[in-house]
Amino acid sequence: MTKMSDVAKLAKVAPATVSRVLRHPHLVSDETREKVQKAIHELNYKPNMIARQFRTKETKTILVVVPDITQPFFSQVLKGIQHTAAEHGYRVLLGDTENDVEQERELVDLMFQRQADGMILLTARMEEEKIEELSKQFPIVLACEYIDGLDVSTVSIDNIGGARKVTEHLIQLGHTKIAHIAGSMNVILSRDRLKGYKQAMISHDLEIHSSYIQEGESNLESGYHQMIRLLSLADPPTAVFVFNDEMAIGAIKAAKDSGLSVPQDIAIVGFDNLQMSSIIEPHITTIDQPKYEIGKKAMELLVHQMKGEPLKRKKFVLTDELIVRESCGFTAKRMSIR
């Protein structure tokens, strides 16, 4: 196995200089840095990360916990995290809980095993006390999901406001019989979007029928089945706000399979602005979340914590945007309502 001393000998520098090039390249002259990097390349030298961890108590790895890696929403969030982590010299260890709280707990235990320097939670379904305890021992950031009143760095959007905004858009189009296909009520995002829907209905003096609120899971199949239930009602809705775009695609398929035309017979809107929402027919009206920016900001906050730097702000609520497309009756155009 190639040693650091071998690199130093070939580059004709001291081993300490090789270490400096690897850890603090900005402190080394361009000429010396190039000589060392050339020797590293020629010898195919790989630093001993385990030994480095014992010396520095750093792994240069961060843990990202995701509730469901199959959901397209998280791809851009993860890309924002990955790119920012790489800029700061960190690798990303990804853990998928598959919406299982017990798996979430097991992944979080990796922090106690010192397998990561910090953690970004894209899910927050553990007990509030557990997360609070963890935040006092390790650098932690919550992103996308959140817990009200928790003193932990958080990056999200205003889900209540976004849901209210897209529901009010349907009301402005003249709809009064508006249903909501919700996500699981175990998730705060589902509860907040339901709250925003209700706020919009109440503020316009519209009746909220209990049968018009159907709870499902955050996937295409659930969107399909919950839409079939709504369409089987004696007095079905004329418009439906769906928890996310993936479920909305399932809802559109259910409407078409039932012989209805979207948006002529029923209007359907989603949430998240996934890439596929602008590809399927009809294109879906939705709320755009700044997914990449959420990941980027979360990683930036984590880096500050891992460096022991004080944070001036812990809570960041990024701006969402209503994207109006054909699924609720308008021709495709971009419209900002904030």
C-alpha atoms as a PDB file:
ATOM      1  CA  MET A   1       0.000   0.000   0.000  1.00  0.00           C
ATOM      2  CA  THR A   2       1.343   3.409  -0.959  1.00  0.00           C
ATOM      3  CA  LYS A   3       2.219   5.566   2.025  1.00  0.00           C
ATOM      4  CA  MET A   4       2.312   9.318   2.465  1.00  0.00           C
ATOM      5  CA  SER A   5       6.089   9.048   2.812  1.00  0.00           C
ATOM      6  CA  ASP A   6       6.251   7.501  -0.672  1.00  0.00           C
ATOM      7  CA  VAL A   7       4.389  10.481  -2.105  1.00  0.00           C
ATOM      8  CA  ALA A   8       6.689  12.872  -0.246  1.00  0.00           C
ATOM      9  CA  LYS A   9       9.776  11.079  -1.573  1.00  0.00           C
ATOM     10  CA  LEU A  10       8.592  11.209  -5.202  1.00  0.00           C
ATOM     11  CA  ALA A  11       7.535  14.866  -4.929  1.00  0.00           C
ATOM     12  CA  LYS A  12      10.749  15.708  -3.024  1.00  0.00           C
ATOM     13  CA  VAL A  13       8.911  17.366  -0.149  1.00  0.00           C
ATOM     14  CA  ALA A  14       8.368  16.589   3.526  1.00  0.00           C
ATOM     15  CA  PRO A  15       5.480  14.276   4.544  1.00  0.00           C
ATOM     16  CA  ALA A  16       3.996  17.219   6.442  1.00  0.00           C
ATOM     17  CA  THR A  17       3.755  19.104   3.141  1.00  0.00           C
ATOM     18  CA  VAL A  18       1.798  16.230   1.578  1.00  0.00           C
ATOM     19  CA  SER A  19      -0.562  16.289   4.549  1.00  0.00           C
ATOM     20  CA  ARG A  20      -0.974  20.039   4.145  1.00  0.00           C
ATOM     21  CA  VAL A  21      -1.821  19.672   0.454  1.00  0.00           C
ATOM     22  CA  LEU A  22      -4.510  17.117   1.333  1.00  0.00           C
ATOM     23  CA  ARG A  23      -6.029  19.036   4.235  1.00  0.00           C
ATOM     24  CA  HIS A  24      -5.288  22.725   3.595  1.00  0.00           C
ATOM     25  CA  PRO A  25      -4.251  23.141  -0.066  1.00  0.00           C
ATOM     26  CA  HIS A  26      -4.725  26.917   0.075  1.00  0.00           C
ATOM     27  CA  LEU A  27      -1.748  27.135   2.442  1.00  0.00           C
ATOM     28  CA  VAL A  28       0.634  25.575  -0.095  1.00  0.00           C
ATOM     29  CA  SER A  29       2.188  27.307  -3.123  1.00  0.00           C
ATOM     30  CA  ASP A  30       0.836  26.417  -6.553  1.00  0.00           C
ATOM     31  CA  GLU A  31       4.160  24.874  -7.616  1.00  0.00           C
ATOM     32  CA  THR A  32       4.446  22.627  -4.559  1.00  0.00           C
ATOM     33  CA  ARG A  33       0.781  21.668  -4.701  1.00  0.00           C
ATOM     34  CA  GLU A  34       1.103  20.615  -8.359  1.00  0.00           C
ATOM     35  CA  LYS A  35       4.192  18.473  -7.579  1.00  0.00           C
ATOM     36  CA  VAL A  36       2.410  16.695  -4.743  1.00  0.00           C
ATOM     37  CA  GLN A  37      -0.789  16.164  -6.719  1.00  0.00           C
ATOM     38  CA  LYS A  38       1.237  14.743  -9.619  1.00  0.00           C
ATOM     39  CA  ALA A  39       2.947  12.280  -7.251  1.00  0.00           C
ATOM     40  CA  ILE A  40      -0.406  11.314  -5.708  1.00  0.00           C
ATOM     41  CA  HIS A  41      -1.756  10.600  -9.192  1.00  0.00           C
ATOM     42  CA  GLU A  42       1.307   8.604 -10.313  1.00  0.00           C
ATOM     43  CA  LEU A  43       1.323   6.448  -7.185  1.00  0.00           C
ATOM     44  CA  ASN A  44      -2.490   6.205  -7.023  1.00  0.00           C
ATOM     45  CA  TYR A  45      -2.253   7.202  -3.365  1.00  0.00           C
ATOM     46  CA  LYS A  46      -5.414   6.863  -1.274  1.00  0.00           C
ATOM     47  CA  PRO A  47      -5.387   8.622   2.123  1.00  0.00           C
ATOM     48  CA  ASN A  48      -6.152   6.365   5.065  1.00  0.00           C
ATOM     49  CA  MET A  49      -9.535   7.822   6.077  1.00  0.00           C
ATOM     50  CA  ILE A  50      -9.877   5.589   9.126  1.00  0.00           C
ATOM     51  CA  ALA A  51      -6.542   6.729  10.526  1.00  0.00           C
ATOM     52  CA  ARG A  52      -7.476  10.307   9.724  1.00  0.00           C
ATOM     53  CA  GLN A  53     -10.735   9.913  11.611  1.00  0.00           C
ATOM     54  CA  PHE A  54      -8.907   8.749  14.732  1.00  0.00           C
ATOM     55  CA  ARG A  55      -6.560  11.739  14.526  1.00  0.00           C
ATOM     56  CA  THR A  56      -9.119  14.435  13.783  1.00  0.00           C
ATOM     57  CA  LYS A  57     -12.338  12.873  15.156  1.00  0.00           C
ATOM     58  CA  GLU A  58     -13.906  13.731  11.789  1.00  0.00           C
ATOM     59  CA  THR A  59     -15.390  11.403   9.188  1.00  0.00           C
ATOM     60  CA  LYS A  60     -15.991  14.123   6.541  1.00  0.00           C
ATOM     61  CA  THR A  61     -19.322  12.326   6.050  1.00  0.00           C
ATOM     62  CA  ILE A  62     -22.837  13.581   6.677  1.00  0.00           C
ATOM     63  CA  LEU A  63     -25.948  11.450   7.108  1.00  0.00           C
ATOM     64  CA  VAL A  64     -29.140  12.293   5.194  1.00  0.00           C
ATOM     65  CA  VAL A  65     -32.304  10.498   6.326  1.00  0.00           C
ATOM     66  CA  VAL A  66     -35.082  10.266   3.694  1.00  0.00           C
ATOM     67  CA  PRO A  67     -38.632   8.976   4.329  1.00  0.00           C
ATOM     68  CA  ASP A  68     -39.025   7.364   0.891  1.00  0.00           C
ATOM     69  CA  ILE A  69     -36.251   7.433  -1.715  1.00  0.00           C
ATOM     70  CA  THR A  70     -38.689   6.369  -4.449  1.00  0.00           C
ATOM     71  CA  GLN A  71     -40.530   9.703  -4.262  1.00  0.00           C
ATOM     72  CA  PRO A  72     -39.328  11.939  -7.134  1.00  0.00           C
ATOM     73  CA  PHE A  73     -39.596  15.061  -4.953  1.00  0.00           C
ATOM     74  CA  PHE A  74     -36.436  14.203  -3.026  1.00  0.00           C
ATOM     75  CA  SER A  75     -34.114  13.910  -6.046  1.00  0.00           C
ATOM     76  CA  GLN A  76     -33.615  17.675  -6.383  1.00  0.00           C
ATOM     77  CA  VAL A  77     -33.372  18.192  -2.619  1.00  0.00           C
ATOM     78  CA  LEU A  78     -30.661  15.521  -2.454  1.00  0.00           C
ATOM     79  CA  LYS A  79     -28.852  17.066  -5.416  1.00  0.00           C
ATOM     80  CA  GLY A  80     -28.724  20.401  -3.576  1.00  0.00           C
ATOM     81  CA  ILE A  81     -27.313  18.650  -0.506  1.00  0.00           C
ATOM     82  CA  GLN A  82     -24.806  16.591  -2.510  1.00  0.00           C
ATOM     83  CA  HIS A  83     -23.417  19.509  -4.520  1.00  0.00           C
ATOM     84  CA  THR A  84     -23.017  21.724  -1.446  1.00  0.00           C
ATOM     85  CA  ALA A  85     -21.506  18.897   0.609  1.00  0.00           C
ATOM     86  CA  ALA A  86     -18.910  18.244  -2.120  1.00  0.00           C
ATOM     87  CA  GLU A  87     -17.986  21.933  -2.216  1.00  0.00           C
ATOM     88  CA  HIS A  88     -17.099  21.700   1.475  1.00  0.00           C
ATOM     89  CA  GLY A  89     -15.293  18.362   1.220  1.00  0.00           C
ATOM     90  CA  TYR A  90     -18.029  16.137   2.664  1.00  0.00           C
ATOM     91  CA  ARG A  91     -19.460  12.860   1.428  1.00  0.00           C
ATOM     92  CA  VAL A  92     -23.146  11.982   1.792  1.00  0.00           C
ATOM     93  CA  LEU A  93     -24.384   8.797   3.467  1.00  0.00           C
ATOM     94  CA  LEU A  94     -28.018   8.230   2.503  1.00  0.00           C
ATOM     95  CA  GLY A  95     -30.519   6.354   4.659  1.00  0.00           C
ATOM     96  CA  ASP A  96     -34.054   5.470   3.513  1.00  0.00           C
ATOM     97  CA  THR A  97     -36.553   4.883   6.328  1.00  0.00           C
ATOM     98  CA  GLU A  98     -39.316   3.639   3.980  1.00  0.00           C
ATOM     99  CA  ASN A  99     -41.723   5.679   6.147  1.00  0.00           C
ATOM    100  CA  ASP A 100     -40.893   3.483   9.127  1.00  0.00           C
ATOM    101  CA  VAL A 101     -40.232   5.392  12.366  1.00  0.00           C
ATOM    102  CA  GLU A 102     -38.240   2.478  13.788  1.00  0.00           C
ATOM    103  CA  GLN A 103     -35.874   2.540  10.807  1.00  0.00           C
ATOM    104  CA  GLU A 104     -35.548   6.293  11.323  1.00  0.00           C
ATOM    105  CA  ARG A 105     -34.427   5.670  14.909  1.00  0.00           C
ATOM    106  CA  GLU A 106     -31.905   3.031  13.786  1.00  0.00           C
ATOM    107  CA  LEU A 107     -30.391   5.372  11.203  1.00  0.00           C
ATOM    108  CA  VAL A 108     -30.121   8.188  13.720  1.00  0.00           C
ATOM    109  CA  ASP A 109     -28.153   5.836  15.993  1.00  0.00           C
ATOM    110  CA  LEU A 110     -25.319   6.018  13.438  1.00  0.00           C
ATOM    111  CA  MET A 111     -24.533   9.416  14.930  1.00  0.00           C
ATOM    112  CA  PHE A 112     -23.806   7.789  18.290  1.00  0.00           C
ATOM    113  CA  GLN A 113     -21.459   5.375  16.485  1.00  0.00           C
ATOM    114  CA  ARG A 114     -19.572   8.411  15.135  1.00  0.00           C
ATOM    115  CA  GLN A 115     -20.113   7.326  11.522  1.00  0.00           C
ATOM    116  CA  ALA A 116     -21.047  10.869  10.454  1.00  0.00           C
ATOM    117  CA  ASP A 117     -20.182  14.406  11.531  1.00  0.00           C
ATOM    118  CA  GLY A 118     -23.709  15.772  11.128  1.00  0.00           C
ATOM    119  CA  MET A 119     -27.171  14.860   9.951  1.00  0.00           C
ATOM    120  CA  ILE A 120     -29.934  16.271   7.743  1.00  0.00           C
ATOM    121  CA  LEU A 121     -33.401  14.864   8.449  1.00  0.00           C
ATOM    122  CA  LEU A 122     -35.828  15.043   5.524  1.00  0.00           C
ATOM    123  CA  THR A 123     -38.355  13.339   7.774  1.00  0.00           C
ATOM    124  CA  ALA A 124     -39.360  14.211  11.326  1.00  0.00           C
ATOM    125  CA  ARG A 125     -41.596  11.446  12.633  1.00  0.00           C
ATOM    126  CA  MET A 126     -39.674  10.493  15.756  1.00  0.00           C
ATOM    127  CA  GLU A 127     -40.648  11.829  19.142  1.00  0.00           C
ATOM    128  CA  GLU A 128     -39.961  15.544  19.518  1.00  0.00           C
ATOM    129  CA  GLU A 129     -37.967  14.839  22.679  1.00  0.00           C
ATOM    130  CA  LYS A 130     -35.676  12.425  20.817  1.00  0.00           C
ATOM    131  CA  ILE A 131     -34.838  14.993  18.123  1.00  0.00           C
ATOM    132  CA  GLU A 132     -34.341  17.698  20.758  1.00  0.00           C
ATOM    133  CA  GLU A 133     -31.926  15.418  22.625  1.00  0.00           C
ATOM    134  CA  LEU A 134     -30.009  14.634  19.442  1.00  0.00           C
ATOM    135  CA  SER A 135     -29.716  18.304  18.501  1.00  0.00           C
ATOM    136  CA  LYS A 136     -27.943  19.015  21.800  1.00  0.00           C
ATOM    137  CA  GLN A 137     -25.293  16.387  21.012  1.00  0.00           C
ATOM    138  CA  PHE A 138     -24.822  16.546  17.236  1.00  0.00           C
ATOM    139  CA  PRO A 139     -25.142  19.055  14.377  1.00  0.00           C
ATOM    140  CA  ILE A 140     -28.651  18.499  12.965  1.00  0.00           C
ATOM    141  CA  VAL A 141     -30.833  20.233  10.375  1.00  0.00           C
ATOM    142  CA  LEU A 142     -34.481  19.486   9.552  1.00  0.00           C
ATOM    143  CA  ALA A 143     -35.458  20.072   5.930  1.00  0.00           C
ATOM    144  CA  CYS A 144     -38.841  19.760   4.142  1.00  0.00           C
ATOM    145  CA  GLU A 145     -40.570  18.352   7.230  1.00  0.00           C
ATOM    146  CA  TYR A 146     -40.442  20.227  10.524  1.00  0.00           C
ATOM    147  CA  ILE A 147     -41.694  20.312  14.096  1.00  0.00           C
ATOM    148  CA  ASP A 148     -43.300  23.464  15.483  1.00  0.00           C
ATOM    149  CA  GLY A 149     -41.564  24.935  18.505  1.00  0.00           C
ATOM    150  CA  LEU A 150     -38.460  22.752  18.186  1.00  0.00           C
ATOM    151  CA  ASP A 151     -35.164  24.617  18.669  1.00  0.00           C
ATOM    152  CA  VAL A 152     -33.460  22.958  15.685  1.00  0.00           C
ATOM    153  CA  SER A 153     -32.247  24.484  12.416  1.00  0.00           C
ATOM    154  CA  THR A 154     -35.039  24.093   9.865  1.00  0.00           C
ATOM    155  CA  VAL A 155     -35.494  24.744   6.135  1.00  0.00           C
ATOM    156  CA  SER A 156     -38.973  24.489   4.597  1.00  0.00           C
ATOM    157  CA  ILE A 157     -41.730  26.395   2.854  1.00  0.00           C
ATOM    158  CA  ASP A 158     -45.049  27.655   4.231  1.00  0.00           C
ATOM    159  CA  ASN A 159     -47.146  24.565   3.492  1.00  0.00           C
ATOM    160  CA  ILE A 160     -50.297  26.058   5.009  1.00  0.00           C
ATOM    161  CA  GLY A 161     -49.950  29.176   2.872  1.00  0.00           C
ATOM    162  CA  GLY A 162     -49.154  27.186  -0.274  1.00  0.00           C
ATOM    163  CA  ALA A 163     -52.212  24.950   0.183  1.00  0.00           C
ATOM    164  CA  ARG A 164     -54.410  27.960   0.849  1.00  0.00           C
ATOM    165  CA  LYS A 165     -53.041  29.648  -2.278  1.00  0.00           C
ATOM    166  CA  VAL A 166     -53.757  26.770  -4.660  1.00  0.00           C
ATOM    167  CA  THR A 167     -57.221  26.168  -3.150  1.00  0.00           C
ATOM    168  CA  GLU A 168     -58.093  29.845  -3.520  1.00  0.00           C
ATOM    169  CA  HIS A 169     -57.074  29.629  -7.156  1.00  0.00           C
ATOM    170  CA  LEU A 170     -59.761  26.989  -7.686  1.00  0.00           C
ATOM    171  CA  ILE A 171     -62.255  29.198  -5.867  1.00  0.00           C
ATOM    172  CA  GLN A 172     -61.336  32.143  -8.086  1.00  0.00           C
ATOM    173  CA  LEU A 173     -62.108  29.949 -11.098  1.00  0.00           C
ATOM    174  CA  GLY A 174     -65.672  29.603  -9.782  1.00  0.00           C
ATOM    175  CA  HIS A 175     -65.508  26.212  -8.047  1.00  0.00           C
ATOM    176  CA  THR A 176     -67.474  25.758  -4.828  1.00  0.00           C
ATOM    177  CA  LYS A 177     -67.455  21.948  -4.529  1.00  0.00           C
ATOM    178  CA  ILE A 178     -63.743  21.445  -3.892  1.00  0.00           C
ATOM    179  CA  ALA A 179     -62.355  18.220  -2.433  1.00  0.00           C
ATOM    180  CA  HIS A 180     -58.955  17.444  -0.981  1.00  0.00           C
ATOM    181  CA  ILE A 181     -56.972  14.222  -1.334  1.00  0.00           C
ATOM    182  CA  ALA A 182     -54.640  14.403   1.658  1.00  0.00           C
ATOM    183  CA  GLY A 183     -51.451  12.555   2.520  1.00  0.00           C
ATOM    184  CA  SER A 184     -51.053  10.526   5.699  1.00  0.00           C
ATOM    185  CA  MET A 185     -52.057  12.481   8.795  1.00  0.00           C
ATOM    186  CA  ASN A 186     -48.971  11.063  10.527  1.00  0.00           C
ATOM    187  CA  VAL A 187     -46.960  13.612   8.527  1.00  0.00           C
ATOM    188  CA  ILE A 188     -46.978  17.299   9.438  1.00  0.00           C
ATOM    189  CA  LEU A 189     -46.943  18.319   5.757  1.00  0.00           C
ATOM    190  CA  SER A 190     -50.271  16.529   5.263  1.00  0.00           C
ATOM    191  CA  ARG A 191     -51.787  18.184   8.308  1.00  0.00           C
ATOM    192  CA  ASP A 192     -50.571  21.628   7.241  1.00  0.00           C
ATOM    193  CA  ARG A 193     -51.834  21.314   3.660  1.00  0.00           C
ATOM    194  CA  LEU A 194     -55.213  20.139   4.931  1.00  0.00           C
ATOM    195  CA  LYS A 195     -55.250  23.159   7.244  1.00  0.00           C
ATOM    196  CA  GLY A 196     -54.492  25.513   4.331  1.00  0.00           C
ATOM    197  CA  TYR A 197     -57.297  23.966   2.265  1.00  0.00           C
ATOM    198  CA  LYS A 198     -59.766  24.435   5.123  1.00  0.00           C
ATOM    199  CA  GLN A 199     -58.652  28.021   5.711  1.00  0.00           C
ATOM    200  CA  ALA A 200     -59.316  28.899   2.071  1.00  0.00           C
ATOM    201  CA  MET A 201     -62.747  27.270   2.108  1.00  0.00           C
ATOM    202  CA  ILE A 202     -63.775  28.933   5.382  1.00  0.00           C
ATOM    203  CA  SER A 203     -62.557  32.371   4.312  1.00  0.00           C
ATOM    204  CA  HIS A 204     -64.840  32.170   1.273  1.00  0.00           C
ATOM    205  CA  ASP A 205     -67.809  30.812   3.278  1.00  0.00           C
ATOM    206  CA  LEU A 206     -67.724  27.476   1.448  1.00  0.00           C
ATOM    207  CA  GLU A 207     -68.967  24.321   3.124  1.00  0.00           C
ATOM    208  CA  ILE A 208     -66.391  21.634   3.895  1.00  0.00           C
ATOM    209  CA  HIS A 209     -67.944  18.195   3.418  1.00  0.00           C
ATOM    210  CA  SER A 210     -66.230  15.435   5.405  1.00  0.00           C
ATOM    211  CA  SER A 211     -66.715  13.082   2.456  1.00  0.00           C
ATOM    212  CA  TYR A 212     -64.720  15.514   0.295  1.00  0.00           C
ATOM    213  CA  ILE A 213     -61.568  14.894   2.364  1.00  0.00           C
ATOM    214  CA  GLN A 214     -59.893  11.577   1.579  1.00  0.00           C
ATOM    215  CA  GLU A 215     -56.665  10.514   3.299  1.00  0.00           C
ATOM    216  CA  GLY A 216     -54.167   8.411   1.383  1.00  0.00           C
ATOM    217  CA  GLU A 217     -50.464   7.689   0.946  1.00  0.00           C
ATOM    218  CA  SER A 218     -48.052   9.857  -1.030  1.00  0.00           C
ATOM    219  CA  ASN A 219     -47.984   7.815  -4.218  1.00  0.00           C
ATOM    220  CA  LEU A 220     -49.667   7.495  -7.587  1.00  0.00           C
ATOM    221  CA  GLU A 221     -51.740   4.428  -6.684  1.00  0.00           C
ATOM    222  CA  SER A 222     -53.227   6.108  -3.629  1.00  0.00           C
ATOM    223  CA  GLY A 223     -54.112   9.200  -5.664  1.00  0.00           C
ATOM    224  CA  TYR A 224     -55.932   6.962  -8.129  1.00  0.00           C
ATOM    225  CA  HIS A 225     -57.960   5.083  -5.504  1.00  0.00           C
ATOM    226  CA  GLN A 226     -58.904   8.156  -3.468  1.00  0.00           C
ATOM    227  CA  MET A 227     -60.096   9.901  -6.647  1.00  0.00           C
ATOM    228  CA  ILE A 228     -62.276   6.912  -7.521  1.00  0.00           C
ATOM    229  CA  ARG A 229     -63.860   7.225  -4.058  1.00  0.00           C
ATOM    230  CA  LEU A 230     -64.575  10.918  -4.607  1.00  0.00           C
ATOM    231  CA  LEU A 231     -66.104  10.278  -8.027  1.00  0.00           C
ATOM    232  CA  SER A 232     -68.382   7.574  -6.575  1.00  0.00           C
ATOM    233  CA  LEU A 233     -70.104  10.088  -4.281  1.00  0.00           C
ATOM    234  CA  ALA A 234     -73.730  10.966  -5.011  1.00  0.00           C
ATOM    235  CA  ASP A 235     -72.647  14.600  -5.374  1.00  0.00           C
ATOM    236  CA  PRO A 236     -69.006  14.494  -6.555  1.00  0.00           C
ATOM    237  CA  PRO A 237     -66.725  17.556  -6.458  1.00  0.00           C
ATOM    238  CA  THR A 238     -65.977  19.708  -9.498  1.00  0.00           C
ATOM    239  CA  ALA A 239     -62.393  20.362  -8.382  1.00  0.00           C
ATOM    240  CA  VAL A 240     -59.783  18.514  -6.290  1.00  0.00           C
ATOM    241  CA  PHE A 241     -56.659  19.773  -4.542  1.00  0.00           C
ATOM    242  CA  VAL A 242     -54.283  16.812  -4.247  1.00  0.00           C
ATOM    243  CA  PHE A 243     -51.517  16.546  -1.631  1.00  0.00           C
ATOM    244  CA  ASN A 244     -48.699  16.203  -4.177  1.00  0.00           C
ATOM    245  CA  ASP A 245     -48.095  15.920  -7.918  1.00  0.00           C
ATOM    246  CA  GLU A 246     -47.486  12.173  -7.873  1.00  0.00           C
ATOM    247  CA  MET A 247     -50.907  11.594  -6.296  1.00  0.00           C
ATOM    248  CA  ALA A 248     -52.407  14.146  -8.700  1.00  0.00           C
ATOM    249  CA  ILE A 249     -51.195  12.090 -11.668  1.00  0.00           C
ATOM    250  CA  GLY A 250     -53.005   9.088 -10.214  1.00  0.00           C
ATOM    251  CA  ALA A 251     -56.114  11.242  -9.704  1.00  0.00           C
ATOM    252  CA  ILE A 252     -56.053  12.413 -13.329  1.00  0.00           C
ATOM    253  CA  LYS A 253     -55.755   8.793 -14.506  1.00  0.00           C
ATOM    254  CA  ALA A 254     -58.750   7.850 -12.334  1.00  0.00           C
ATOM    255  CA  ALA A 255     -60.830  10.687 -13.794  1.00  0.00           C
ATOM    256  CA  LYS A 256     -59.967   9.649 -17.349  1.00  0.00           C
ATOM    257  CA  ASP A 257     -60.693   5.983 -16.613  1.00  0.00           C
ATOM    258  CA  SER A 258     -64.081   7.115 -15.296  1.00  0.00           C
ATOM    259  CA  GLY A 259     -64.865   8.769 -18.616  1.00  0.00           C
ATOM    260  CA  LEU A 260     -64.227  12.329 -17.453  1.00  0.00           C
ATOM    261  CA  SER A 261     -62.156  15.011 -19.113  1.00  0.00           C
ATOM    262  CA  VAL A 262     -59.662  17.126 -17.163  1.00  0.00           C
ATOM    263  CA  PRO A 263     -60.229  20.049 -16.774  1.00  0.00           C
ATOM    264  CA  GLN A 264     -63.518  20.225 -18.691  1.00  0.00           C
ATOM    265  CA  ASP A 265     -65.392  17.904 -16.316  1.00  0.00           C
ATOM    266  CA  ILE A 266     -63.223  18.191 -13.210  1.00  0.00           C
ATOM    267  CA  ALA A 267     -60.275  20.398 -12.235  1.00  0.00           C
ATOM    268  CA  ILE A 268     -57.253  18.847 -10.497  1.00  0.00           C
ATOM    269  CA  VAL A 269     -54.293  20.621  -8.880  1.00  0.00           C
ATOM    270  CA  GLY A 270     -51.210  19.254  -7.145  1.00  0.00           C
ATOM    271  CA  PHE A 271     -48.248  20.353  -5.039  1.00  0.00           C
ATOM    272  CA  ASP A 272     -44.400  20.271  -5.413  1.00  0.00           C
ATOM    273  CA  ASN A 273     -44.000  21.002  -9.168  1.00  0.00           C
ATOM    274  CA  LEU A 274     -42.269  17.771 -10.108  1.00  0.00           C
ATOM    275  CA  GLN A 275     -40.746  17.668 -13.582  1.00  0.00           C
ATOM    276  CA  MET A 276     -43.374  15.145 -14.673  1.00  0.00           C
ATOM    277  CA  SER A 277     -46.168  17.613 -13.843  1.00  0.00           C
ATOM    278  CA  SER A 278     -45.239  19.672 -16.900  1.00  0.00           C
ATOM    279  CA  ILE A 279     -44.994  16.620 -19.162  1.00  0.00           C
ATOM    280  CA  ILE A 280     -48.170  14.583 -18.642  1.00  0.00           C
ATOM    281  CA  GLU A 281     -51.438  15.643 -20.276  1.00  0.00           C
ATOM    282  CA  PRO A 282     -52.954  17.847 -19.093  1.00  0.00           C
ATOM    283  CA  HIS A 283     -50.046  19.717 -17.526  1.00  0.00           C
ATOM    284  CA  ILE A 284     -50.673  20.061 -13.788  1.00  0.00           C
ATOM    285  CA  THR A 285     -51.321  23.293 -11.921  1.00  0.00           C
ATOM    286  CA  THR A 286     -49.212  23.048  -8.783  1.00  0.00           C
ATOM    287  CA  ILE A 287     -47.202  24.768  -6.070  1.00  0.00           C
ATOM    288  CA  ASP A 288     -43.508  24.975  -6.884  1.00  0.00           C
ATOM    289  CA  GLN A 289     -41.169  24.206  -4.010  1.00  0.00           C
ATOM    290  CA  PRO A 290     -37.544  25.397  -4.416  1.00  0.00           C
ATOM    291  CA  LYS A 291     -36.322  21.837  -3.945  1.00  0.00           C
ATOM    292  CA  TYR A 292     -32.655  22.282  -4.872  1.00  0.00           C
ATOM    293  CA  GLU A 293     -32.420  25.454  -2.760  1.00  0.00           C
ATOM    294  CA  ILE A 294     -33.919  23.634   0.246  1.00  0.00           C
ATOM    295  CA  GLY A 295     -31.151  21.022   0.035  1.00  0.00           C
ATOM    296  CA  LYS A 296     -28.462  23.647  -0.517  1.00  0.00           C
ATOM    297  CA  LYS A 297     -29.534  25.812   2.418  1.00  0.00           C
ATOM    298  CA  ALA A 298     -29.863  22.771   4.715  1.00  0.00           C
ATOM    299  CA  MET A 299     -26.298  21.688   3.918  1.00  0.00           C
ATOM    300  CA  GLU A 300     -24.963  25.219   4.398  1.00  0.00           C
ATOM    301  CA  LEU A 301     -26.566  25.378   7.847  1.00  0.00           C
ATOM    302  CA  LEU A 302     -25.114  21.987   8.737  1.00  0.00           C
ATOM    303  CA  VAL A 303     -21.598  23.054   7.681  1.00  0.00           C
ATOM    304  CA  HIS A 304     -21.810  26.110   9.966  1.00  0.00           C
ATOM    305  CA  GLN A 305     -22.833  23.885  12.863  1.00  0.00           C
ATOM    306  CA  MET A 306     -20.093  21.309  12.204  1.00  0.00           C
ATOM    307  CA  LYS A 307     -17.542  24.125  12.219  1.00  0.00           C
ATOM    308  CA  GLY A 308     -18.901  25.355  15.534  1.00  0.00           C
ATOM    309  CA  GLU A 309     -19.984  28.687  14.066  1.00  0.00           C
ATOM    310  CA  PRO A 310     -22.902  30.523  15.711  1.00  0.00           C
ATOM    311  CA  LEU A 311     -26.097  30.818  13.653  1.00  0.00           C
ATOM    312  CA  LYS A 312     -27.843  34.176  13.418  1.00  0.00           C
ATOM    313  CA  ARG A 313     -31.004  32.402  12.215  1.00  0.00           C
ATOM    314  CA  LYS A 314     -32.195  28.847  12.665  1.00  0.00           C
ATOM    315  CA  LYS A 315     -35.521  28.926  10.814  1.00  0.00           C
ATOM    316  CA  PHE A 316     -35.648  29.476   7.044  1.00  0.00           C
ATOM    317  CA  VAL A 317     -38.967  29.531   5.170  1.00  0.00           C
ATOM    318  CA  LEU A 318     -38.242  29.658   1.431  1.00  0.00           C
ATOM    319  CA  THR A 319     -40.627  31.138  -1.125  1.00  0.00           C
ATOM    320  CA  ASP A 320     -43.053  28.880  -3.016  1.00  0.00           C
ATOM    321  CA  GLU A 321     -44.868  29.800  -6.219  1.00  0.00           C
ATOM    322  CA  LEU A 322     -48.202  28.926  -7.823  1.00  0.00           C
ATOM    323  CA  ILE A 323     -47.641  27.474 -11.302  1.00  0.00           C
ATOM    324  CA  VAL A 324     -50.850  27.635 -13.355  1.00  0.00           C
ATOM    325  CA  ARG A 325     -51.249  25.044 -16.122  1.00  0.00           C
ATOM    326  CA  GLU A 326     -54.070  23.298 -17.993  1.00  0.00           C
ATOM    327  CA  SER A 327     -55.316  20.841 -15.354  1.00  0.00           C
ATOM    328  CA  CYS A 328     -57.608  23.453 -13.804  1.00  0.00           C
ATOM    329  CA  GLY A 329     -58.740  25.178 -16.984  1.00  0.00           C
ATOM    330  CA  PHE A 330     -56.093  27.730 -17.920  1.00  0.00           C
ATOM    331  CA  THR A 331     -53.665  27.495 -20.819  1.00  0.00           C
ATOM    332  CA  ALA A 332     -50.092  26.974 -19.738  1.00  0.00           C
ATOM    333  CA  LYS A 333     -48.473  30.041 -18.222  1.00  0.00           C
ATOM    334  CA  ARG A 334     -46.350  30.933 -15.223  1.00  0.00           C
ATOM    335  CA  MET A 335     -48.092  33.004 -12.593  1.00  0.00           C
ATOM    336  CA  SER A 336     -46.592  34.138  -9.307  1.00  0.00           C
ATOM    337  CA  ILE A 337     -48.890  34.563  -6.314  1.00  0.00           C
ATOM    338  CA  ARG A 338     -47.110  35.061  -2.994  1.00  0.00           C
END
